Amino acid sequence: MDIVYDILLAAKGPLHITDIIQHAKKDYRRPLRRESLVSALTKKVLDHNTFTRTAPNTFDLLKRPS
């Protein structure tokens, strides 16, 4: 989840899951499975922990550092 956090932080806004996966593969050389990633992010969203969902399959950071 650290990779997703870093990707969203660098993006400065919400990203669709497809874009997150592409950034992970390109920038971190980490292939991520879509279903697993969506499931993990959804759990974090429901726990109000780190991530928020801004649209279907689109995620952002719950709080951005100042």
Foldseek 3Di string as FASTA:
>chain_A
DVLLLVVQLVVVDKDALVVSQVCCCVVVVDHDDSVVVVVVQVVCQVVVHQWHAPDVRIIHGSDHDD
